[in-house]
């Protein structure tokens, strides 16, 4: 789903934001901070645009997994969670463990089912833990 450049542009903006801090050779702190702030603002505006341009189902369907965004694309977890915020709004509450319902059974419950993204609590937690 979505245009073929939608997700690559999102990932590129997020990677650029990180590269400004860690790979800029400039000794001019004010310039680096202005570049970072501009990129951060662009990232937030683009994320807002995408959430308005796509419904949550289509948005979820076009995104790579949390694991891919962190490990394959090298994005910071905070950035990934910002990207996934519209999808995570659909999280279902995890059942509370009891004597009759152990933790493993609670973690096997579906946490997310939107736009072709279906994950149990155990899968979601393992994605987050990396």
Foldseek 3Di string as FASTA:
>chain_A
DDDPCLAVVLLVLQVVLVCLVVPDPDPPPVVSVVSNVVSVVVNVVSLVVVCVVDPLLQLVQPDDDLLCSCPVSPGDNVSSCSSCVSQQVQFDDQDDADPVQHPVNSQQDWGGDGNNDTDGNVRVVVSSVD
